[in-house]
């Protein structure tokens, strides 16, 4: 019962977080995909791990996908909005 509740909470948190990111980008007038690639990678990590848990697919493949997405998210931070404001 607890895993189902935690999965529902994660899905609700993801939907809320995505809506906040979209709203903030719209209010700031930011367009383009480069500045949101880090967020997309991190959301994909959460979705990958949730699907791996639901379908009992925890293992080397899900860990590999998670690590690759984490590295890509770290790489794409150079396009993030806060880096553009500093320079």
Protein backbone atom coordinates (compact mmCIF):
# COMPACT_ATOMS: atom_id res chain seq x y z
CA UNK A 1 0.00 0.00 0.00
CA UNK A 2 2.82 2.44 0.85
CA UNK A 3 4.59 2.05 -2.53
CA UNK A 4 1.34 2.93 -4.32
CA UNK A 5 0.89 6.05 -2.20
CA UNK A 6 4.50 7.10 -2.76
CA UNK A 7 4.14 6.57 -6.52
CA UNK A 8 1.02 8.73 -6.58
CA UNK A 9 2.80 11.45 -4.58
CA UNK A 10 5.74 11.35 -7.00
CA UNK A 11 3.45 11.68 -10.04
CA UNK A 12 1.61 14.61 -8.44
CA UNK A 13 4.92 16.28 -7.52
CA UNK A 14 6.22 15.82 -11.08
CA UNK A 15 3.09 17.34 -12.60
CA UNK A 16 3.21 20.27 -10.17
CA UNK A 17 6.93 20.83 -10.75
CA UNK A 18 6.60 20.74 -14.53
CA UNK A 19 3.73 23.23 -14.40
CA UNK A 20 5.81 25.58 -12.21
CA UNK A 21 8.77 25.41 -14.61
CA UNK A 22 6.55 26.07 -17.63
CA UNK A 23 4.81 28.98 -15.88
CA UNK A 24 8.11 30.58 -14.78
CA UNK A 25 9.58 30.25 -18.27
CA UNK A 26 6.47 31.80 -19.78
CA UNK A 27 6.48 34.70 -17.30
CA UNK A 28 10.17 35.36 -17.93
CA UNK A 29 9.65 35.22 -21.69
CA UNK A 30 12.23 32.49 -22.17
CA UNK A 31 11.98 30.45 -25.33
CA UNK A 32 14.09 27.67 -26.76
CA UNK A 33 14.91 24.19 -25.62
CA UNK A 34 18.53 24.58 -24.53
CA UNK A 35 17.76 26.26 -21.24
CA UNK A 36 15.31 23.54 -20.19
CA UNK A 37 17.40 20.48 -21.09
CA UNK A 38 18.70 20.04 -17.54
CA UNK A 39 15.17 19.99 -16.14
CA UNK A 40 14.05 17.54 -18.82
CA UNK A 41 16.90 15.17 -17.95
CA UNK A 42 16.07 15.30 -14.25
CA UNK A 43 12.38 14.70 -14.90
CA UNK A 44 13.30 11.75 -17.11
CA UNK A 45 15.39 10.32 -14.25
CA UNK A 46 12.35 10.39 -11.97
CA UNK A 47 10.11 8.87 -14.65
CA UNK A 48 12.68 6.17 -15.49
CA UNK A 49 13.04 5.12 -11.87
CA UNK A 50 9.29 5.15 -11.31
CA UNK A 51 8.66 2.98 -14.37
CA UNK A 52 11.51 0.67 -13.38
CA UNK A 53 9.91 0.20 -9.98
CA UNK A 54 6.39 -0.30 -11.35
CA UNK A 55 7.45 -2.88 -13.93
CA UNK A 56 10.02 -4.56 -11.64
CA UNK A 57 12.85 -3.61 -13.97
CA UNK A 58 15.37 -2.48 -11.39
CA UNK A 59 18.82 -3.41 -12.51
CA UNK A 60 21.76 -2.51 -14.67
CA UNK A 61 19.72 -0.96 -17.49
CA UNK A 62 17.70 1.40 -15.29
CA UNK A 63 20.85 2.39 -13.38
CA UNK A 64 22.70 3.01 -16.64
CA UNK A 65 19.89 5.18 -17.99
CA UNK A 66 19.83 7.11 -14.71
CA UNK A 67 23.58 7.74 -14.75
CA UNK A 68 23.55 8.78 -18.42
CA UNK A 69 20.67 11.20 -17.81
CA UNK A 70 22.44 12.59 -14.74
CA UNK A 71 25.62 13.22 -16.74
CA UNK A 72 23.61 14.81 -19.57
CA UNK A 73 21.75 17.01 -17.06
CA UNK A 74 25.05 18.15 -15.58
CA UNK A 75 26.44 18.85 -19.06
CA UNK A 76 23.42 20.91 -20.11
CA UNK A 77 23.67 23.21 -17.08
CA UNK A 78 25.92 25.41 -19.18
CA UNK A 79 22.79 26.40 -21.10
CA UNK A 80 20.73 27.01 -17.96
CA UNK A 81 19.07 30.35 -17.34
CA UNK A 82 20.96 31.22 -14.16
CA UNK A 83 24.30 30.89 -15.97
CA UNK A 84 23.17 33.41 -18.58
CA UNK A 85 22.17 35.93 -15.92
CA UNK A 86 25.60 35.76 -14.23
CA UNK A 87 27.65 36.35 -17.35
